[in-house]
Amino acid sequence: HILYFLSDAIWALVNDGVIPKNTFSVLAVNYSNAIIISLLFY
């Protein structure tokens, strides 16, 4: 849960532009969210 919340926080900062929004950053943070949430429910 902690790791997912931190990953989700980075996702929000990428969408806001605080962290540069580009193809790599968008895909990287959403890949992280997808894997961590699966591990969370596992």
PDB file of all heavy atoms in Angstrom:
ATOM      1  N   HIS A   1       0.838  -1.206   0.000  1.00  0.00           N
ATOM      2  CA  HIS A   1       0.000   0.000   0.000  1.00  0.00           C
ATOM      3  C   HIS A   1       0.874   1.257   0.000  1.00  0.00           C
ATOM      4  O   HIS A   1       0.601   2.214  -0.740  1.00  0.00           O
ATOM      5  CB  HIS A   1      -0.914   0.013   1.232  1.00  0.00           C
ATOM      6  CG  HIS A   1      -2.190  -0.737   1.039  1.00  0.00           C
ATOM      7  ND1 HIS A   1      -2.297  -2.089   1.244  1.00  0.00           N
ATOM      8  CD2 HIS A   1      -3.435  -0.322   0.654  1.00  0.00           C
ATOM      9  CE1 HIS A   1      -3.549  -2.478   1.008  1.00  0.00           C
ATOM     10  NE2 HIS A   1      -4.250  -1.428   0.646  1.00  0.00           N
ATOM     11  N   ILE A   2       1.899   1.256   0.823  1.00  0.00           N
ATOM     12  CA  ILE A   2       2.798   2.413   0.892  1.00  0.00           C
ATOM     13  C   ILE A   2       3.448   2.663  -0.471  1.00  0.00           C
ATOM     14  O   ILE A   2       3.481   3.799  -0.969  1.00  0.00           O
ATOM     15  CB  ILE A   2       3.878   2.200   1.974  1.00  0.00           C
ATOM     16  CG1 ILE A   2       3.235   2.175   3.363  1.00  0.00           C
ATOM     17  CG2 ILE A   2       4.944   3.292   1.909  1.00  0.00           C
ATOM     18  CD1 ILE A   2       4.188   1.733   4.465  1.00  0.00           C
ATOM     19  N   LEU A   3       3.964   1.601  -1.085  1.00  0.00           N
ATOM     20  CA  LEU A   3       4.634   1.746  -2.382  1.00  0.00           C
ATOM     21  C   LEU A   3       3.660   2.223  -3.457  1.00  0.00           C
ATOM     22  O   LEU A   3       4.020   3.035  -4.321  1.00  0.00           O
ATOM     23  CB  LEU A   3       5.262   0.412  -2.790  1.00  0.00           C
ATOM     24  CG  LEU A   3       6.431  -0.062  -1.912  1.00  0.00           C
ATOM     25  CD1 LEU A   3       6.899  -1.448  -2.355  1.00  0.00           C
ATOM     26  CD2 LEU A   3       7.577   0.935  -1.951  1.00  0.00           C
ATOM     27  N   TYR A   4       2.406   1.733  -3.378  1.00  0.00           N
ATOM     28  CA  TYR A   4       1.426   2.180  -4.374  1.00  0.00           C
ATOM     29  C   TYR A   4       1.094   3.663  -4.187  1.00  0.00           C
ATOM     30  O   TYR A   4       1.004   4.409  -5.169  1.00  0.00           O
ATOM     31  CB  TYR A   4       0.148   1.353  -4.291  1.00  0.00           C
ATOM     32  CG  TYR A   4      -0.865   1.812  -5.315  1.00  0.00           C
ATOM     33  CD1 TYR A   4      -0.717   1.479  -6.664  1.00  0.00           C
ATOM     34  CD2 TYR A   4      -1.936   2.626  -4.952  1.00  0.00           C
ATOM     35  CE1 TYR A   4      -1.607   1.925  -7.617  1.00  0.00           C
ATOM     36  CE2 TYR A   4      -2.840   3.073  -5.899  1.00  0.00           C
ATOM     37  CZ  TYR A   4      -2.676   2.728  -7.225  1.00  0.00           C
ATOM     38  OH  TYR A   4      -3.557   3.192  -8.172  1.00  0.00           O
ATOM     39  N   PHE A   5       0.925   4.106  -2.945  1.00  0.00           N
ATOM     40  CA  PHE A   5       0.611   5.514  -2.699  1.00  0.00           C
ATOM     41  C   PHE A   5       1.745   6.411  -3.197  1.00  0.00           C
ATOM     42  O   PHE A   5       1.490   7.484  -3.775  1.00  0.00           O
ATOM     43  CB  PHE A   5       0.386   5.754  -1.201  1.00  0.00           C
ATOM     44  CG  PHE A   5      -0.861   5.096  -0.660  1.00  0.00           C
ATOM     45  CD1 PHE A   5      -1.018   4.903   0.708  1.00  0.00           C
ATOM     46  CD2 PHE A   5      -1.869   4.663  -1.502  1.00  0.00           C
ATOM     47  CE1 PHE A   5      -2.162   4.301   1.212  1.00  0.00           C
ATOM     48  CE2 PHE A   5      -3.019   4.051  -0.998  1.00  0.00           C
ATOM     49  CZ  PHE A   5      -3.161   3.876   0.359  1.00  0.00           C
ATOM     50  N   LEU A   6       2.992   6.000  -2.985  1.00  0.00           N
ATOM     51  CA  LEU A   6       4.135   6.798  -3.450  1.00  0.00           C
ATOM     52  C   LEU A   6       4.194   6.818  -4.974  1.00  0.00           C
ATOM     53  O   LEU A   6       4.453   7.869  -5.588  1.00  0.00           O
ATOM     54  CB  LEU A   6       5.437   6.244  -2.870  1.00  0.00           C
ATOM     55  CG  LEU A   6       5.591   6.363  -1.344  1.00  0.00           C
ATOM     56  CD1 LEU A   6       6.876   5.700  -0.891  1.00  0.00           C
ATOM     57  CD2 LEU A   6       5.539   7.813  -0.892  1.00  0.00           C
ATOM     58  N   SER A   7       3.951   5.664  -5.591  1.00  0.00           N
ATOM     59  CA  SER A   7       3.931   5.604  -7.051  1.00  0.00           C
ATOM     60  C   SER A   7       2.803   6.467  -7.616  1.00  0.00           C
ATOM     61  O   SER A   7       2.975   7.165  -8.620  1.00  0.00           O
ATOM     62  CB  SER A   7       3.757   4.151  -7.500  1.00  0.00           C
ATOM     63  OG  SER A   7       3.688   4.066  -8.911  1.00  0.00           O
ATOM     64  N   ASP A   8       1.658   6.440  -6.938  1.00  0.00           N
ATOM     65  CA  ASP A   8       0.508   7.238  -7.369  1.00  0.00           C
ATOM     66  C   ASP A   8       0.784   8.732  -7.211  1.00  0.00           C
ATOM     67  O   ASP A   8       0.310   9.547  -8.006  1.00  0.00           O
ATOM     68  CB  ASP A   8      -0.727   6.829  -6.550  1.00  0.00           C
ATOM     69  CG  ASP A   8      -1.999   6.864  -7.385  1.00  0.00           C
ATOM     70  OD1 ASP A   8      -1.902   6.753  -8.624  1.00  0.00           O
ATOM     71  OD2 ASP A   8      -3.088   6.983  -6.799  1.00  0.00           O
ATOM     72  N   ALA A   9       1.551   9.085  -6.183  1.00  0.00           N
ATOM     73  CA  ALA A   9       1.921  10.491  -5.987  1.00  0.00           C
ATOM     74  C   ALA A   9       2.807  10.971  -7.143  1.00  0.00           C
ATOM     75  O   ALA A   9       2.638  12.094  -7.653  1.00  0.00           O
ATOM     76  CB  ALA A   9       2.645  10.660  -4.655  1.00  0.00           C
ATOM     77  N   ILE A  10       3.736  10.127  -7.570  1.00  0.00           N
ATOM     78  CA  ILE A  10       4.590  10.469  -8.714  1.00  0.00           C
ATOM     79  C   ILE A  10       3.746  10.598  -9.976  1.00  0.00           C
ATOM     80  O   ILE A  10       3.953  11.503 -10.798  1.00  0.00           O
ATOM     81  CB  ILE A  10       5.695   9.406  -8.893  1.00  0.00           C
ATOM     82  CG1 ILE A  10       6.610   9.395  -7.667  1.00  0.00           C
ATOM     83  CG2 ILE A  10       6.499   9.678 -10.165  1.00  0.00           C
ATOM     84  CD1 ILE A  10       7.613   8.271  -7.658  1.00  0.00           C
ATOM     85  N   TRP A  11       2.748   9.693 -10.127  1.00  0.00           N
ATOM     86  CA  TRP A  11       1.824   9.782 -11.267  1.00  0.00           C
ATOM     87  C   TRP A  11       1.139  11.149 -11.313  1.00  0.00           C
ATOM     88  O   TRP A  11       1.025  11.775 -12.373  1.00  0.00           O
ATOM     89  CB  TRP A  11       0.775   8.682 -11.154  1.00  0.00           C
ATOM     90  CG  TRP A  11      -0.397   8.828 -12.082  1.00  0.00           C
ATOM     91  CD1 TRP A  11      -0.489   8.408 -13.371  1.00  0.00           C
ATOM     92  CD2 TRP A  11      -1.645   9.479 -11.784  1.00  0.00           C
ATOM     93  NE1 TRP A  11      -1.716   8.742 -13.904  1.00  0.00           N
ATOM     94  CE2 TRP A  11      -2.443   9.404 -12.949  1.00  0.00           C
ATOM     95  CE3 TRP A  11      -2.157  10.110 -10.650  1.00  0.00           C
ATOM     96  CZ2 TRP A  11      -3.723   9.937 -13.006  1.00  0.00           C
ATOM     97  CZ3 TRP A  11      -3.449  10.635 -10.711  1.00  0.00           C
ATOM     98  CH2 TRP A  11      -4.216  10.551 -11.880  1.00  0.00           C
ATOM     99  N   ALA A  12       0.705  11.638 -10.154  1.00  0.00           N
ATOM    100  CA  ALA A  12       0.025  12.932 -10.088  1.00  0.00           C
ATOM    101  C   ALA A  12       0.970  14.071 -10.461  1.00  0.00           C
ATOM    102  O   ALA A  12       0.577  15.014 -11.176  1.00  0.00           O
ATOM    103  CB  ALA A  12      -0.538  13.153  -8.681  1.00  0.00           C
ATOM    104  N   LEU A  13       2.226  13.991 -10.005  1.00  0.00           N
ATOM    105  CA  LEU A  13       3.198  15.054 -10.307  1.00  0.00           C
ATOM    106  C   LEU A  13       3.563  15.056 -11.788  1.00  0.00           C
ATOM    107  O   LEU A  13       3.811  16.119 -12.371  1.00  0.00           O
ATOM    108  CB  LEU A  13       4.449  14.865  -9.452  1.00  0.00           C
ATOM    109  CG  LEU A  13       4.242  15.033  -7.937  1.00  0.00           C
ATOM    110  CD1 LEU A  13       5.528  14.760  -7.176  1.00  0.00           C
ATOM    111  CD2 LEU A  13       3.712  16.427  -7.602  1.00  0.00           C
ATOM    112  N   VAL A  14       3.588  13.875 -12.411  1.00  0.00           N
ATOM    113  CA  VAL A  14       3.832  13.812 -13.859  1.00  0.00           C
ATOM    114  C   VAL A  14       2.677  14.447 -14.616  1.00  0.00           C
ATOM    115  O   VAL A  14       2.871  15.244 -15.551  1.00  0.00           O
ATOM    116  CB  VAL A  14       4.028  12.338 -14.314  1.00  0.00           C
ATOM    117  CG1 VAL A  14       3.981  12.240 -15.841  1.00  0.00           C
ATOM    118  CG2 VAL A  14       5.348  11.803 -13.791  1.00  0.00           C
ATOM    119  N   ASN A  15       1.458  14.147 -14.234  1.00  0.00           N
ATOM    120  CA  ASN A  15       0.288  14.717 -14.901  1.00  0.00           C
ATOM    121  C   ASN A  15       0.189  16.223 -14.710  1.00  0.00           C
ATOM    122  O   ASN A  15      -0.372  16.924 -15.559  1.00  0.00           O
ATOM    123  CB  ASN A  15      -0.986  14.038 -14.390  1.00  0.00           C
ATOM    124  CG  ASN A  15      -1.270  12.728 -15.096  1.00  0.00           C
ATOM    125  OD1 ASN A  15      -1.851  12.700 -16.178  1.00  0.00           O
ATOM    126  ND2 ASN A  15      -0.834  11.633 -14.482  1.00  0.00           N
ATOM    127  N   ASP A  16       0.718  16.717 -13.578  1.00  0.00           N
ATOM    128  CA  ASP A  16       0.674  18.158 -13.324  1.00  0.00           C
ATOM    129  C   ASP A  16       1.828  18.895 -14.000  1.00  0.00           C
ATOM    130  O   ASP A  16       1.811  20.120 -14.066  1.00  0.00           O
ATOM    131  CB  ASP A  16       0.722  18.415 -11.821  1.00  0.00           C
ATOM    132  CG  ASP A  16       0.317  19.833 -11.458  1.00  0.00           C
ATOM    133  OD1 ASP A  16      -0.806  20.239 -11.810  1.00  0.00           O
ATOM    134  OD2 ASP A  16       1.148  20.549 -10.846  1.00  0.00           O
ATOM    135  N   GLY A  17       2.826  18.159 -14.466  1.00  0.00           N
ATOM    136  CA  GLY A  17       3.971  18.796 -15.098  1.00  0.00           C
ATOM    137  C   GLY A  17       5.092  19.141 -14.144  1.00  0.00           C
ATOM    138  O   GLY A  17       6.117  19.693 -14.571  1.00  0.00           O
ATOM    139  N   VAL A  18       4.931  18.864 -12.859  1.00  0.00           N
ATOM    140  CA  VAL A  18       6.008  19.100 -11.900  1.00  0.00           C
ATOM    141  C   VAL A  18       7.212  18.237 -12.273  1.00  0.00           C
ATOM    142  O   VAL A  18       8.363  18.688 -12.227  1.00  0.00           O
ATOM    143  CB  VAL A  18       5.544  18.790 -10.456  1.00  0.00           C
ATOM    144  CG1 VAL A  18       6.705  18.936  -9.474  1.00  0.00           C
ATOM    145  CG2 VAL A  18       4.391  19.700 -10.066  1.00  0.00           C
ATOM    146  N   ILE A  19       6.934  17.002 -12.617  1.00  0.00           N
ATOM    147  CA  ILE A  19       7.922  16.130 -13.254  1.00  0.00           C
ATOM    148  C   ILE A  19       7.627  16.175 -14.745  1.00  0.00           C
ATOM    149  O   ILE A  19       6.469  16.034 -15.147  1.00  0.00           O
ATOM    150  CB  ILE A  19       7.810  14.682 -12.726  1.00  0.00           C
ATOM    151  CG1 ILE A  19       8.134  14.637 -11.226  1.00  0.00           C
ATOM    152  CG2 ILE A  19       8.735  13.751 -13.491  1.00  0.00           C
ATOM    153  CD1 ILE A  19       7.916  13.278 -10.592  1.00  0.00           C
ATOM    154  N   PRO A  20       8.655  16.437 -15.580  1.00  0.00           N
ATOM    155  CA  PRO A  20       8.399  16.588 -17.029  1.00  0.00           C
ATOM    156  C   PRO A  20       7.542  15.455 -17.587  1.00  0.00           C
ATOM    157  O   PRO A  20       7.837  14.278 -17.385  1.00  0.00           O
ATOM    158  CB  PRO A  20       9.810  16.569 -17.629  1.00  0.00           C
ATOM    159  CG  PRO A  20      10.678  17.096 -16.528  1.00  0.00           C
ATOM    160  CD  PRO A  20      10.076  16.590 -15.243  1.00  0.00           C
ATOM    161  N   LYS A  21       6.494  15.852 -18.296  1.00  0.00           N
ATOM    162  CA  LYS A  21       5.566  14.872 -18.860  1.00  0.00           C
ATOM    163  C   LYS A  21       5.982  14.536 -20.281  1.00  0.00           C
ATOM    164  O   LYS A  21       5.893  15.366 -21.185  1.00  0.00           O
ATOM    165  CB  LYS A  21       4.137  15.423 -18.840  1.00  0.00           C
ATOM    166  CG  LYS A  21       3.069  14.410 -19.273  1.00  0.00           C
ATOM    167  CD  LYS A  21       1.665  14.987 -19.123  1.00  0.00           C
ATOM    168  CE  LYS A  21       0.611  13.950 -19.498  1.00  0.00           C
ATOM    169  NZ  LYS A  21      -0.768  14.471 -19.338  1.00  0.00           N
ATOM    170  N   ASN A  22       6.465  13.322 -20.459  1.00  0.00           N
ATOM    171  CA  ASN A  22       6.834  12.843 -21.787  1.00  0.00           C
ATOM    172  C   ASN A  22       6.442  11.374 -21.896  1.00  0.00           C
ATOM    173  O   ASN A  22       5.914  10.792 -20.937  1.00  0.00           O
ATOM    174  CB  ASN A  22       8.326  13.048 -22.054  1.00  0.00           C
ATOM    175  CG  ASN A  22       9.186  12.480 -20.926  1.00  0.00           C
ATOM    176  OD1 ASN A  22       8.995  11.340 -20.521  1.00  0.00           O
ATOM    177  ND2 ASN A  22      10.122  13.291 -20.420  1.00  0.00           N
ATOM    178  N   THR A  23       6.694  10.778 -23.034  1.00  0.00           N
ATOM    179  CA  THR A  23       6.280   9.379 -23.250  1.00  0.00           C
ATOM    180  C   THR A  23       6.887   8.445 -22.209  1.00  0.00           C
ATOM    181  O   THR A  23       6.206   7.579 -21.646  1.00  0.00           O
ATOM    182  CB  THR A  23       6.688   8.907 -24.664  1.00  0.00           C
ATOM    183  OG1 THR A  23       6.054   9.744 -25.629  1.00  0.00           O
ATOM    184  CG2 THR A  23       6.267   7.458 -24.894  1.00  0.00           C
ATOM    185  N   PHE A  24       8.191   8.658 -21.933  1.00  0.00           N
ATOM    186  CA  PHE A  24       8.861   7.770 -20.976  1.00  0.00           C
ATOM    187  C   PHE A  24       8.286   7.910 -19.570  1.00  0.00           C
ATOM    188  O   PHE A  24       7.970   6.899 -18.915  1.00  0.00           O
ATOM    189  CB  PHE A  24      10.366   8.077 -20.930  1.00  0.00           C
ATOM    190  CG  PHE A  24      11.087   7.305 -19.861  1.00  0.00           C
ATOM    191  CD1 PHE A  24      11.426   5.968 -20.050  1.00  0.00           C
ATOM    192  CD2 PHE A  24      11.401   7.907 -18.638  1.00  0.00           C
ATOM    193  CE1 PHE A  24      12.079   5.241 -19.049  1.00  0.00           C
ATOM    194  CE2 PHE A  24      12.046   7.194 -17.638  1.00  0.00           C
ATOM    195  CZ  PHE A  24      12.386   5.863 -17.850  1.00  0.00           C
ATOM    196  N   SER A  25       8.119   9.144 -19.066  1.00  0.00           N
ATOM    197  CA  SER A  25       7.649   9.342 -17.692  1.00  0.00           C
ATOM    198  C   SER A  25       6.219   8.856 -17.509  1.00  0.00           C
ATOM    199  O   SER A  25       5.879   8.251 -16.485  1.00  0.00           O
ATOM    200  CB  SER A  25       7.758  10.821 -17.293  1.00  0.00           C
ATOM    201  OG  SER A  25       6.943  11.634 -18.115  1.00  0.00           O
ATOM    202  N   VAL A  26       5.364   9.078 -18.525  1.00  0.00           N
ATOM    203  CA  VAL A  26       3.968   8.650 -18.423  1.00  0.00           C
ATOM    204  C   VAL A  26       3.884   7.122 -18.401  1.00  0.00           C
ATOM    205  O   VAL A  26       3.198   6.524 -17.557  1.00  0.00           O
ATOM    206  CB  VAL A  26       3.129   9.213 -19.597  1.00  0.00           C
ATOM    207  CG1 VAL A  26       1.735   8.595 -19.609  1.00  0.00           C
ATOM    208  CG2 VAL A  26       3.026  10.731 -19.473  1.00  0.00           C
ATOM    209  N   LEU A  27       4.595   6.474 -19.326  1.00  0.00           N
ATOM    210  CA  LEU A  27       4.548   5.013 -19.373  1.00  0.00           C
ATOM    211  C   LEU A  27       5.216   4.390 -18.152  1.00  0.00           C
ATOM    212  O   LEU A  27       4.734   3.382 -17.609  1.00  0.00           O
ATOM    213  CB  LEU A  27       5.211   4.499 -20.652  1.00  0.00           C
ATOM    214  CG  LEU A  27       4.445   4.763 -21.962  1.00  0.00           C
ATOM    215  CD1 LEU A  27       5.225   4.239 -23.154  1.00  0.00           C
ATOM    216  CD2 LEU A  27       3.058   4.143 -21.928  1.00  0.00           C
ATOM    217  N   ALA A  28       6.311   4.967 -17.689  1.00  0.00           N
ATOM    218  CA  ALA A  28       7.038   4.417 -16.543  1.00  0.00           C
ATOM    219  C   ALA A  28       6.182   4.440 -15.283  1.00  0.00           C
ATOM    220  O   ALA A  28       6.091   3.443 -14.549  1.00  0.00           O
ATOM    221  CB  ALA A  28       8.335   5.186 -16.319  1.00  0.00           C
ATOM    222  N   VAL A  29       5.545   5.571 -15.013  1.00  0.00           N
ATOM    223  CA  VAL A  29       4.782   5.672 -13.770  1.00  0.00           C
ATOM    224  C   VAL A  29       3.506   4.832 -13.839  1.00  0.00           C
ATOM    225  O   VAL A  29       3.068   4.254 -12.830  1.00  0.00           O
ATOM    226  CB  VAL A  29       4.472   7.146 -13.445  1.00  0.00           C
ATOM    227  CG1 VAL A  29       3.388   7.722 -14.366  1.00  0.00           C
ATOM    228  CG2 VAL A  29       4.063   7.305 -11.996  1.00  0.00           C
ATOM    229  N   ASN A  30       2.921   4.723 -15.014  1.00  0.00           N
ATOM    230  CA  ASN A  30       1.719   3.896 -15.134  1.00  0.00           C
ATOM    231  C   ASN A  30       2.045   2.402 -15.149  1.00  0.00           C
ATOM    232  O   ASN A  30       1.241   1.588 -14.694  1.00  0.00           O
ATOM    233  CB  ASN A  30       0.927   4.295 -16.379  1.00  0.00           C
ATOM    234  CG  ASN A  30       0.126   5.558 -16.162  1.00  0.00           C
ATOM    235  OD1 ASN A  30      -0.900   5.562 -15.493  1.00  0.00           O
ATOM    236  ND2 ASN A  30       0.611   6.669 -16.720  1.00  0.00           N
ATOM    237  N   TYR A  31       3.218   2.045 -15.636  1.00  0.00           N
ATOM    238  CA  TYR A  31       3.680   0.657 -15.527  1.00  0.00           C
ATOM    239  C   TYR A  31       3.878   0.303 -14.054  1.00  0.00           C
ATOM    240  O   TYR A  31       3.461  -0.760 -13.590  1.00  0.00           O
ATOM    241  CB  TYR A  31       4.995   0.483 -16.291  1.00  0.00           C
ATOM    242  CG  TYR A  31       5.575  -0.906 -16.174  1.00  0.00           C
ATOM    243  CD1 TYR A  31       5.081  -1.947 -16.949  1.00  0.00           C
ATOM    244  CD2 TYR A  31       6.611  -1.176 -15.280  1.00  0.00           C
ATOM    245  CE1 TYR A  31       5.608  -3.226 -16.853  1.00  0.00           C
ATOM    246  CE2 TYR A  31       7.141  -2.451 -15.166  1.00  0.00           C
ATOM    247  CZ  TYR A  31       6.648  -3.476 -15.953  1.00  0.00           C
ATOM    248  OH  TYR A  31       7.160  -4.741 -15.837  1.00  0.00           O
ATOM    249  N   SER A  32       4.501   1.227 -13.319  1.00  0.00           N
ATOM    250  CA  SER A  32       4.708   1.025 -11.878  1.00  0.00           C
ATOM    251  C   SER A  32       3.376   0.848 -11.160  1.00  0.00           C
ATOM    252  O   SER A  32       3.208  -0.071 -10.340  1.00  0.00           O
ATOM    253  CB  SER A  32       5.471   2.213 -11.284  1.00  0.00           C
ATOM    254  OG  SER A  32       5.519   2.148  -9.874  1.00  0.00           O
ATOM    255  N   ASN A  33       2.417   1.696 -11.448  1.00  0.00           N
ATOM    256  CA  ASN A  33       1.100   1.598 -10.804  1.00  0.00           C
ATOM    257  C   ASN A  33       0.429   0.254 -11.096  1.00  0.00           C
ATOM    258  O   ASN A  33      -0.137  -0.383 -10.192  1.00  0.00           O
ATOM    259  CB  ASN A  33       0.195   2.730 -11.285  1.00  0.00           C
ATOM    260  CG  ASN A  33       0.400   4.010 -10.503  1.00  0.00           C
ATOM    261  OD1 ASN A  33       1.184   4.050  -9.551  1.00  0.00           O
ATOM    262  ND2 ASN A  33      -0.280   5.071 -10.904  1.00  0.00           N
ATOM    263  N   ALA A  34       0.495  -0.185 -12.352  1.00  0.00           N
ATOM    264  CA  ALA A  34      -0.180  -1.428 -12.742  1.00  0.00           C
ATOM    265  C   ALA A  34       0.416  -2.629 -12.026  1.00  0.00           C
ATOM    266  O   ALA A  34      -0.325  -3.505 -11.539  1.00  0.00           O
ATOM    267  CB  ALA A  34      -0.101  -1.617 -14.259  1.00  0.00           C
ATOM    268  N   ILE A  35       1.738  -2.697 -11.931  1.00  0.00           N
ATOM    269  CA  ILE A  35       2.386  -3.854 -11.302  1.00  0.00           C
ATOM    270  C   ILE A  35       2.196  -3.825  -9.790  1.00  0.00           C
ATOM    271  O   ILE A  35       1.872  -4.847  -9.165  1.00  0.00           O
ATOM    272  CB  ILE A  35       3.889  -3.891 -11.657  1.00  0.00           C
ATOM    273  CG1 ILE A  35       4.066  -3.974 -13.171  1.00  0.00           C
ATOM    274  CG2 ILE A  35       4.563  -5.072 -10.955  1.00  0.00           C
ATOM    275  CD1 ILE A  35       3.313  -5.115 -13.826  1.00  0.00           C
ATOM    276  N   ILE A  36       2.361  -2.655  -9.198  1.00  0.00           N
ATOM    277  CA  ILE A  36       2.258  -2.573  -7.733  1.00  0.00           C
ATOM    278  C   ILE A  36       0.843  -2.861  -7.260  1.00  0.00           C
ATOM    279  O   ILE A  36       0.648  -3.539  -6.246  1.00  0.00           O
ATOM    280  CB  ILE A  36       2.727  -1.189  -7.227  1.00  0.00           C
ATOM    281  CG1 ILE A  36       4.230  -1.032  -7.452  1.00  0.00           C
ATOM    282  CG2 ILE A  36       2.414  -1.016  -5.742  1.00  0.00           C
ATOM    283  CD1 ILE A  36       4.783   0.333  -7.079  1.00  0.00           C
ATOM    284  N   ILE A  37      -0.179  -2.386  -7.988  1.00  0.00           N
ATOM    285  CA  ILE A  37      -1.547  -2.638  -7.530  1.00  0.00           C
ATOM    286  C   ILE A  37      -1.897  -4.130  -7.659  1.00  0.00           C
ATOM    287  O   ILE A  37      -2.655  -4.670  -6.842  1.00  0.00           O
ATOM    288  CB  ILE A  37      -2.578  -1.763  -8.289  1.00  0.00           C
ATOM    289  CG1 ILE A  37      -3.874  -1.688  -7.484  1.00  0.00           C
ATOM    290  CG2 ILE A  37      -2.840  -2.279  -9.690  1.00  0.00           C
ATOM    291  CD1 ILE A  37      -4.853  -0.658  -7.973  1.00  0.00           C
ATOM    292  N   SER A  38      -1.312  -4.814  -8.650  1.00  0.00           N
ATOM    293  CA  SER A  38      -1.519  -6.266  -8.743  1.00  0.00           C
ATOM    294  C   SER A  38      -0.860  -6.974  -7.558  1.00  0.00           C
ATOM    295  O   SER A  38      -1.441  -7.892  -6.960  1.00  0.00           O
ATOM    296  CB  SER A  38      -0.944  -6.800 -10.058  1.00  0.00           C
ATOM    297  OG  SER A  38      -1.677  -6.318 -11.164  1.00  0.00           O
ATOM    298  N   LEU A  39       0.348  -6.540  -7.200  1.00  0.00           N
ATOM    299  CA  LEU A  39       1.040  -7.123  -6.055  1.00  0.00           C
ATOM    300  C   LEU A  39       0.317  -6.799  -4.753  1.00  0.00           C
ATOM    301  O   LEU A  39       0.299  -7.596  -3.816  1.00  0.00           O
ATOM    302  CB  LEU A  39       2.482  -6.612  -6.000  1.00  0.00           C
ATOM    303  CG  LEU A  39       3.405  -7.173  -7.088  1.00  0.00           C
ATOM    304  CD1 LEU A  39       4.695  -6.365  -7.176  1.00  0.00           C
ATOM    305  CD2 LEU A  39       3.714  -8.639  -6.816  1.00  0.00           C
ATOM    306  N   LEU A  40      -0.299  -5.623  -4.707  1.00  0.00           N
ATOM    307  CA  LEU A  40      -1.056  -5.229  -3.513  1.00  0.00           C
ATOM    308  C   LEU A  40      -2.223  -6.189  -3.279  1.00  0.00           C
ATOM    309  O   LEU A  40      -2.414  -6.697  -2.165  1.00  0.00           O
ATOM    310  CB  LEU A  40      -1.551  -3.792  -3.694  1.00  0.00           C
ATOM    311  CG  LEU A  40      -2.247  -3.080  -2.530  1.00  0.00           C
ATOM    312  CD1 LEU A  40      -2.145  -1.566  -2.724  1.00  0.00           C
ATOM    313  CD2 LEU A  40      -3.721  -3.455  -2.431  1.00  0.00           C
ATOM    314  N   PHE A  41      -2.987  -6.466  -4.337  1.00  0.00           N
ATOM    315  CA  PHE A  41      -4.148  -7.341  -4.164  1.00  0.00           C
ATOM    316  C   PHE A  41      -3.754  -8.812  -4.084  1.00  0.00           C
ATOM    317  O   PHE A  41      -4.494  -9.619  -3.516  1.00  0.00           O
ATOM    318  CB  PHE A  41      -5.167  -7.087  -5.264  1.00  0.00           C
ATOM    319  CG  PHE A  41      -5.924  -5.807  -5.054  1.00  0.00           C
ATOM    320  CD1 PHE A  41      -5.667  -4.694  -5.828  1.00  0.00           C
ATOM    321  CD2 PHE A  41      -6.853  -5.706  -4.041  1.00  0.00           C
ATOM    322  CE1 PHE A  41      -6.339  -3.501  -5.612  1.00  0.00           C
ATOM    323  CE2 PHE A  41      -7.543  -4.516  -3.815  1.00  0.00           C
ATOM    324  CZ  PHE A  41      -7.285  -3.412  -4.598  1.00  0.00           C
ATOM    325  N   TYR A  42      -2.604  -9.144  -4.620  1.00  0.00           N
ATOM    326  CA  TYR A  42      -2.034 -10.479  -4.390  1.00  0.00           C
ATOM    327  C   TYR A  42      -1.740 -10.659  -2.898  1.00  0.00           C
ATOM    328  O   TYR A  42      -2.048 -11.701  -2.311  1.00  0.00           O
ATOM    329  CB  TYR A  42      -0.769 -10.624  -5.234  1.00  0.00           C
ATOM    330  CG  TYR A  42       0.322 -11.481  -4.652  1.00  0.00           C
ATOM    331  CD1 TYR A  42       0.308 -12.862  -4.814  1.00  0.00           C
ATOM    332  CD2 TYR A  42       1.393 -10.905  -3.969  1.00  0.00           C
ATOM    333  CE1 TYR A  42       1.333 -13.641  -4.287  1.00  0.00           C
ATOM    334  CE2 TYR A  42       2.408 -11.671  -3.446  1.00  0.00           C
ATOM    335  CZ  TYR A  42       2.371 -13.036  -3.605  1.00  0.00           C
ATOM    336  OH  TYR A  42       3.380 -13.807  -3.082  1.00  0.00           O
TER     337      TYR A  42
END
